[in-house]
Structure formats: C-alpha cells, structure tokens
C-alpha cells in the first residue's frame, strides 16, 4: 500500500498563495501608477500651468483695457 504524503502539500499551497499575492500586488500597483500618471498628464496639459496662464490673463486684461481706452 502507498502511504499518503501530506508534508509537501502545505508547502506547495503556501508557495502558490505567495506567488499569487505577489502577482496581485504587482497588478494593483501598476494600475495605481497608471492612474496617477494620467492625472499628472492632465494637470500638465491644463491651461492653469503657471506662467502661461498668467501671461494669457495679462494679455486679455490689456486688450479689454485698450478696448475701453483705459490702459
């Protein structure tokens, strides 16, 4: 008769669970990094990016003042 080996089974199960958890963690982190980089690109392409927005605002105010002959 064959004897059942129960010694390797828990080790194999733990190894599979550890590998699955590492893969899951990698997928979740890559999704989070992708979302954050998309948000960063959106803010970088925004019209409110500092100097450009302020210079456009100043030009618009100057045009309005010139139209009314105030400036």
PDB file of N, CA and C in Angstrom:
ATOM      1  N   UNK A   1       0.828  -1.183   0.000  1.00  0.00           N
ATOM      2  CA  UNK A   1       0.000   0.000   0.000  1.00  0.00           C
ATOM      3  C   UNK A   1       0.874   1.249   0.000  1.00  0.00           C
ATOM      4  N   UNK A   2       0.326   2.279  -0.641  1.00  0.00           N
ATOM      5  CA  UNK A   2       1.040   3.547  -0.675  1.00  0.00           C
ATOM      6  C   UNK A   2       0.676   4.398   0.527  1.00  0.00           C
ATOM      7  N   UNK A   3       1.675   5.051   1.046  1.00  0.00           N
ATOM      8  CA  UNK A   3       1.408   5.976   2.132  1.00  0.00           C
ATOM      9  C   UNK A   3       1.207   7.371   1.548  1.00  0.00           C
ATOM     10  N   UNK A   4       0.262   8.079   2.078  1.00  0.00           N
ATOM     11  CA  UNK A   4      -0.046   9.438   1.603  1.00  0.00           C
ATOM     12  C   UNK A   4       0.936  10.419   2.223  1.00  0.00           C
ATOM     13  N   UNK A   5       1.555  11.230   1.357  1.00  0.00           N
ATOM     14  CA  UNK A   5       2.471  12.259   1.850  1.00  0.00           C
ATOM     15  C   UNK A   5       1.700  13.561   2.006  1.00  0.00           C
ATOM     16  N   UNK A   6       1.617  13.998   3.204  1.00  0.00           N
ATOM     17  CA  UNK A   6       0.906  15.256   3.466  1.00  0.00           C
ATOM     18  C   UNK A   6       1.890  16.379   3.782  1.00  0.00           C
ATOM     19  N   UNK A   7       3.154  16.080   3.721  1.00  0.00           N
ATOM     20  CA  UNK A   7       4.150  17.059   4.093  1.00  0.00           C
ATOM     21  C   UNK A   7       4.365  18.106   3.010  1.00  0.00           C
ATOM     22  N   UNK A   8       4.369  17.728   1.760  1.00  0.00           N
ATOM     23  CA  UNK A   8       4.633  18.657   0.675  1.00  0.00           C
ATOM     24  C   UNK A   8       3.441  19.521   0.325  1.00  0.00           C
ATOM     25  N   UNK A   9       2.253  19.054   0.609  1.00  0.00           N
ATOM     26  CA  UNK A   9       1.052  19.773   0.216  1.00  0.00           C
ATOM     27  C   UNK A   9       0.935  21.160   0.830  1.00  0.00           C
ATOM     28  N   UNK A  10       1.147  21.356   2.122  1.00  0.00           N
ATOM     29  CA  UNK A  10       1.072  22.716   2.674  1.00  0.00           C
ATOM     30  C   UNK A  10       2.151  23.644   2.112  1.00  0.00           C
ATOM     31  N   UNK A  11       3.331  23.102   1.853  1.00  0.00           N
ATOM     32  CA  UNK A  11       4.394  23.920   1.301  1.00  0.00           C
ATOM     33  C   UNK A  11       4.053  24.383  -0.113  1.00  0.00           C
ATOM     34  N   UNK A  12       3.499  23.495  -0.903  1.00  0.00           N
ATOM     35  CA  UNK A  12       3.098  23.845  -2.263  1.00  0.00           C
ATOM     36  C   UNK A  12       1.985  24.884  -2.218  1.00  0.00           C
ATOM     37  N   UNK A  13       1.029  24.695  -1.324  1.00  0.00           N
ATOM     38  CA  UNK A  13      -0.083  25.645  -1.191  1.00  0.00           C
ATOM     39  C   UNK A  13       0.416  27.024  -0.775  1.00  0.00           C
ATOM     40  N   UNK A  14       1.320  27.072   0.186  1.00  0.00           N
ATOM     41  CA  UNK A  14       1.873  28.348   0.633  1.00  0.00           C
ATOM     42  C   UNK A  14       2.658  29.024  -0.488  1.00  0.00           C
ATOM     43  N   UNK A  15       3.407  28.258  -1.252  1.00  0.00           N
ATOM     44  CA  UNK A  15       4.163  28.805  -2.368  1.00  0.00           C
ATOM     45  C   UNK A  15       3.251  29.389  -3.438  1.00  0.00           C
ATOM     46  N   UNK A  16       2.179  28.668  -3.752  1.00  0.00           N
ATOM     47  CA  UNK A  16       1.223  29.169  -4.740  1.00  0.00           C
ATOM     48  C   UNK A  16       0.517  30.428  -4.250  1.00  0.00           C
ATOM     49  N   UNK A  17       0.141  30.446  -2.990  1.00  0.00           N
ATOM     50  CA  UNK A  17      -0.511  31.635  -2.444  1.00  0.00           C
ATOM     51  C   UNK A  17       0.430  32.830  -2.419  1.00  0.00           C
ATOM     52  N   UNK A  18       1.691  32.599  -2.086  1.00  0.00           N
ATOM     53  CA  UNK A  18       2.670  33.680  -2.078  1.00  0.00           C
ATOM     54  C   UNK A  18       2.891  34.228  -3.490  1.00  0.00           C
ATOM     55  N   UNK A  19       3.006  33.346  -4.467  1.00  0.00           N
ATOM     56  CA  UNK A  19       3.160  33.782  -5.855  1.00  0.00           C
ATOM     57  C   UNK A  19       1.946  34.548  -6.351  1.00  0.00           C
ATOM     58  N   UNK A  20       0.767  34.085  -6.002  1.00  0.00           N
ATOM     59  CA  UNK A  20      -0.471  34.758  -6.397  1.00  0.00           C
ATOM     60  C   UNK A  20      -0.582  36.131  -5.751  1.00  0.00           C
ATOM     61  N   UNK A  21      -0.172  36.238  -4.495  1.00  0.00           N
ATOM     62  CA  UNK A  21      -0.237  37.543  -3.828  1.00  0.00           C
ATOM     63  C   UNK A  21       0.764  38.524  -4.431  1.00  0.00           C
ATOM     64  N   UNK A  22       1.936  38.057  -4.830  1.00  0.00           N
ATOM     65  CA  UNK A  22       2.918  38.935  -5.467  1.00  0.00           C
ATOM     66  C   UNK A  22       2.406  39.419  -6.819  1.00  0.00           C
ATOM     67  N   UNK A  23       1.813  38.536  -7.591  1.00  0.00           N
ATOM     68  CA  UNK A  23       1.252  38.923  -8.894  1.00  0.00           C
ATOM     69  C   UNK A  23       0.115  39.917  -8.710  1.00  0.00           C
ATOM     70  N   UNK A  24      -0.751  39.678  -7.745  1.00  0.00           N
ATOM     71  CA  UNK A  24      -1.872  40.589  -7.489  1.00  0.00           C
ATOM     72  C   UNK A  24      -1.373  41.960  -7.048  1.00  0.00           C
ATOM     73  N   UNK A  25      -0.391  41.989  -6.181  1.00  0.00           N
ATOM     74  CA  UNK A  25       0.178  43.254  -5.726  1.00  0.00           C
ATOM     75  C   UNK A  25       0.806  44.024  -6.885  1.00  0.00           C
ATOM     76  N   UNK A  26       1.497  43.320  -7.774  1.00  0.00           N
ATOM     77  CA  UNK A  26       2.113  43.963  -8.930  1.00  0.00           C
ATOM     78  C   UNK A  26       1.055  44.565  -9.851  1.00  0.00           C
ATOM     79  N   UNK A  27      -0.032  43.852 -10.084  1.00  0.00           N
ATOM     80  CA  UNK A  27      -1.106  44.348 -10.949  1.00  0.00           C
ATOM     81  C   UNK A  27      -1.765  45.577 -10.328  1.00  0.00           C
ATOM     82  N   UNK A  28      -2.051  45.519  -9.045  1.00  0.00           N
ATOM     83  CA  UNK A  28      -2.699  46.658  -8.378  1.00  0.00           C
ATOM     84  C   UNK A  28      -1.787  47.888  -8.393  1.00  0.00           C
ATOM     85  N   UNK A  29      -0.510  47.714  -8.126  1.00  0.00           N
ATOM     86  CA  UNK A  29       0.420  48.838  -8.147  1.00  0.00           C
ATOM     87  C   UNK A  29       0.553  49.424  -9.544  1.00  0.00           C
ATOM     88  N   UNK A  30       0.555  48.582 -10.572  1.00  0.00           N
ATOM     89  CA  UNK A  30       0.659  49.107 -11.934  1.00  0.00           C
ATOM     90  C   UNK A  30      -0.595  49.887 -12.320  1.00  0.00           C
ATOM     91  N   UNK A  31      -1.757  49.459 -11.861  1.00  0.00           N
ATOM     92  CA  UNK A  31      -2.995  50.194 -12.129  1.00  0.00           C
ATOM     93  C   UNK A  31      -2.954  51.553 -11.426  1.00  0.00           C
ATOM     94  N   UNK A  32      -2.519  51.578 -10.175  1.00  0.00           N
ATOM     95  CA  UNK A  32      -2.445  52.836  -9.427  1.00  0.00           C
ATOM     96  C   UNK A  32      -1.449  53.790 -10.077  1.00  0.00           C
ATOM     97  N   UNK A  33      -0.296  53.286 -10.488  1.00  0.00           N
ATOM     98  CA  UNK A  33       0.707  54.138 -11.132  1.00  0.00           C
ATOM     99  C   UNK A  33       0.182  54.667 -12.462  1.00  0.00           C
ATOM    100  N   UNK A  34      -0.548  53.845 -13.205  1.00  0.00           N
ATOM    101  CA  UNK A  34      -1.138  54.298 -14.460  1.00  0.00           C
ATOM    102  C   UNK A  34      -2.151  55.395 -14.249  1.00  0.00           C
ATOM    103  N   UNK A  35      -2.978  55.262 -13.231  1.00  0.00           N
ATOM    104  CA  UNK A  35      -3.965  56.300 -12.939  1.00  0.00           C
ATOM    105  C   UNK A  35      -3.298  57.600 -12.505  1.00  0.00           C
ATOM    106  N   UNK A  36      -2.295  57.493 -11.665  1.00  0.00           N
ATOM    107  CA  UNK A  36      -1.610  58.699 -11.189  1.00  0.00           C
ATOM    108  C   UNK A  36      -0.857  59.401 -12.320  1.00  0.00           C
ATOM    109  N   UNK A  37      -0.265  58.644 -13.224  1.00  0.00           N
ATOM    110  CA  UNK A  37       0.429  59.287 -14.348  1.00  0.00           C
ATOM    111  C   UNK A  37      -0.562  59.945 -15.291  1.00  0.00           C
ATOM    112  N   UNK A  38      -1.757  59.368 -15.431  1.00  0.00           N
ATOM    113  CA  UNK A  38      -2.793  60.002 -16.243  1.00  0.00           C
ATOM    114  C   UNK A  38      -3.266  61.300 -15.635  1.00  0.00           C
ATOM    115  N   UNK A  39      -3.406  61.324 -14.324  1.00  0.00           N
ATOM    116  CA  UNK A  39      -3.814  62.549 -13.636  1.00  0.00           C
ATOM    117  C   UNK A  39      -2.726  63.612 -13.774  1.00  0.00           C
ATOM    118  N   UNK A  40      -1.468  63.199 -13.662  1.00  0.00           N
ATOM    119  CA  UNK A  40      -0.361  64.151 -13.794  1.00  0.00           C
ATOM    120  C   UNK A  40      -0.319  64.731 -15.203  1.00  0.00           C
ATOM    121  N   UNK A  41      -0.535  63.918 -16.227  1.00  0.00           N
ATOM    122  CA  UNK A  41      -0.555  64.414 -17.605  1.00  0.00           C
ATOM    123  C   UNK A  41      -1.694  65.397 -17.809  1.00  0.00           C
ATOM    124  N   UNK A  42      -2.831  65.134 -17.176  1.00  0.00           N
ATOM    125  CA  UNK A  42      -3.965  66.042 -17.295  1.00  0.00           C
ATOM    126  C   UNK A  42      -3.638  67.397 -16.700  1.00  0.00           C
ATOM    127  N   UNK A  43      -3.000  67.420 -15.550  1.00  0.00           N
ATOM    128  CA  UNK A  43      -2.633  68.691 -14.934  1.00  0.00           C
ATOM    129  C   UNK A  43      -1.516  69.387 -15.694  1.00  0.00           C
ATOM    130  N   UNK A  44      -0.610  68.620 -16.306  1.00  0.00           N
ATOM    131  CA  UNK A  44       0.461  69.227 -17.094  1.00  0.00           C
ATOM    132  C   UNK A  44      -0.090  69.884 -18.355  1.00  0.00           C
ATOM    133  N   UNK A  45      -1.140  69.317 -18.928  1.00  0.00           N
ATOM    134  CA  UNK A  45      -1.723  69.867 -20.151  1.00  0.00           C
ATOM    135  C   UNK A  45      -2.772  70.928 -19.864  1.00  0.00           C
ATOM    136  N   UNK A  46      -3.047  71.160 -18.615  1.00  0.00           N
ATOM    137  CA  UNK A  46      -4.070  72.124 -18.232  1.00  0.00           C
ATOM    138  C   UNK A  46      -3.648  73.537 -18.592  1.00  0.00           C
ATOM    139  N   UNK A  47      -4.633  74.425 -18.809  1.00  0.00           N
ATOM    140  CA  UNK A  47      -4.310  75.816 -19.131  1.00  0.00           C
ATOM    141  C   UNK A  47      -3.856  76.577 -17.900  1.00  0.00           C
ATOM    142  N   UNK A  48      -4.038  75.990 -16.740  1.00  0.00           N
ATOM    143  CA  UNK A  48      -3.658  76.659 -15.494  1.00  0.00           C
ATOM    144  C   UNK A  48      -2.236  76.274 -15.081  1.00  0.00           C
ATOM    145  N   UNK A  49      -1.314  76.194 -16.030  1.00  0.00           N
ATOM    146  CA  UNK A  49       0.037  75.758 -15.684  1.00  0.00           C
ATOM    147  C   UNK A  49       0.972  76.934 -15.479  1.00  0.00           C
ATOM    148  N   UNK A  50       0.624  77.794 -14.564  1.00  0.00           N
ATOM    149  CA  UNK A  50       1.534  78.821 -14.088  1.00  0.00           C
ATOM    150  C   UNK A  50       1.723  80.005 -15.004  1.00  0.00           C
ATOM    151  N   UNK A  51       2.928  80.156 -15.528  1.00  0.00           N
ATOM    152  CA  UNK A  51       3.330  81.343 -16.272  1.00  0.00           C
ATOM    153  C   UNK A  51       2.507  81.548 -17.538  1.00  0.00           C
ATOM    154  N   UNK A  52       2.198  80.496 -18.237  1.00  0.00           N
ATOM    155  CA  UNK A  52       1.426  80.626 -19.472  1.00  0.00           C
ATOM    156  C   UNK A  52       0.043  81.181 -19.182  1.00  0.00           C
ATOM    157  N   UNK A  53      -0.583  80.670 -18.168  1.00  0.00           N
ATOM    158  CA  UNK A  53      -1.921  81.152 -17.805  1.00  0.00           C
ATOM    159  C   UNK A  53      -1.872  82.614 -17.377  1.00  0.00           C
ATOM    160  N   UNK A  54      -0.886  82.970 -16.579  1.00  0.00           N
ATOM    161  CA  UNK A  54      -0.795  84.346 -16.095  1.00  0.00           C
ATOM    162  C   UNK A  54      -0.507  85.326 -17.232  1.00  0.00           C
ATOM    163  N   UNK A  55       0.345  84.928 -18.170  1.00  0.00           N
ATOM    164  CA  UNK A  55       0.639  85.825 -19.297  1.00  0.00           C
ATOM    165  C   UNK A  55      -0.576  85.974 -20.203  1.00  0.00           C
ATOM    166  N   UNK A  56      -1.329  84.903 -20.415  1.00  0.00           N
ATOM    167  CA  UNK A  56      -2.551  84.997 -21.214  1.00  0.00           C
ATOM    168  C   UNK A  56      -3.586  85.867 -20.513  1.00  0.00           C
ATOM    169  N   UNK A  57      -3.676  85.752 -19.214  1.00  0.00           N
ATOM    170  CA  UNK A  57      -4.605  86.574 -18.449  1.00  0.00           C
ATOM    171  C   UNK A  57      -4.213  88.048 -18.535  1.00  0.00           C
ATOM    172  N   UNK A  58      -2.936  88.341 -18.428  1.00  0.00           N
ATOM    173  CA  UNK A  58      -2.452  89.720 -18.525  1.00  0.00           C
ATOM    174  C   UNK A  58      -2.733  90.292 -19.914  1.00  0.00           C
ATOM    175  N   UNK A  59      -2.518  89.513 -20.963  1.00  0.00           N
ATOM    176  CA  UNK A  59      -2.793  89.970 -22.326  1.00  0.00           C
ATOM    177  C   UNK A  59      -4.281  90.237 -22.522  1.00  0.00           C
ATOM    178  N   UNK A  60      -5.122  89.384 -21.979  1.00  0.00           N
ATOM    179  CA  UNK A  60      -6.573  89.579 -22.099  1.00  0.00           C
ATOM    180  C   UNK A  60      -7.012  90.846 -21.378  1.00  0.00           C
ATOM    181  N   UNK A  61      -6.482  91.084 -20.201  1.00  0.00           N
ATOM    182  CA  UNK A  61      -6.835  92.298 -19.451  1.00  0.00           C
ATOM    183  C   UNK A  61      -6.362  93.533 -20.206  1.00  0.00           C
ATOM    184  N   UNK A  62      -5.147  93.472 -20.794  1.00  0.00           N
ATOM    185  CA  UNK A  62      -4.644  94.610 -21.578  1.00  0.00           C
ATOM    186  C   UNK A  62      -5.529  94.892 -22.790  1.00  0.00           C
ATOM    187  N   UNK A  63      -5.998  93.846 -23.459  1.00  0.00           N
ATOM    188  CA  UNK A  63      -6.884  94.038 -24.613  1.00  0.00           C
ATOM    189  C   UNK A  63      -8.206  94.672 -24.201  1.00  0.00           C
ATOM    190  N   UNK A  64      -8.733  94.225 -23.070  1.00  0.00           N
ATOM    191  CA  UNK A  64     -10.003  94.793 -22.580  1.00  0.00           C
ATOM    192  C   UNK A  64      -9.808  96.261 -22.227  1.00  0.00           C
ATOM    193  N   UNK A  65      -8.721  96.587 -21.556  1.00  0.00           N
ATOM    194  CA  UNK A  65      -8.460  97.978 -21.178  1.00  0.00           C
ATOM    195  C   UNK A  65      -8.217  98.863 -22.411  1.00  0.00           C
ATOM    196  N   UNK A  66      -7.547  98.328 -23.418  1.00  0.00           N
ATOM    197  CA  UNK A  66      -7.324  99.078 -24.655  1.00  0.00           C
ATOM    198  C   UNK A  66      -8.645  99.309 -25.397  1.00  0.00           C
ATOM    199  N   UNK A  67      -9.537  98.336 -25.341  1.00  0.00           N
ATOM    200  CA  UNK A  67     -10.829  98.482 -25.998  1.00  0.00           C
ATOM    201  C   UNK A  67     -11.612  99.636 -25.389  1.00  0.00           C
ATOM    202  N   UNK A  68     -11.571  99.732 -24.076  1.00  0.00           N
ATOM    203  CA  UNK A  68     -12.291 100.821 -23.401  1.00  0.00           C
ATOM    204  C   UNK A  68     -11.422 102.074 -23.265  1.00  0.00           C
ATOM    205  N   UNK A  69     -10.200 102.045 -23.808  1.00  0.00           N
ATOM    206  CA  UNK A  69      -9.244 103.159 -23.799  1.00  0.00           C
ATOM    207  C   UNK A  69      -8.900 103.629 -22.387  1.00  0.00           C
ATOM    208  N   UNK A  70      -8.777 102.663 -21.511  1.00  0.00           N
ATOM    209  CA  UNK A  70      -8.402 102.974 -20.141  1.00  0.00           C
ATOM    210  C   UNK A  70      -6.898 102.799 -19.981  1.00  0.00           C
ATOM    211  N   UNK A  71      -6.361 101.797 -20.623  1.00  0.00           N
ATOM    212  CA  UNK A  71      -4.961 101.481 -20.427  1.00  0.00           C
ATOM    213  C   UNK A  71      -4.074 101.889 -21.567  1.00  0.00           C
TER     214      UNK A  71
END
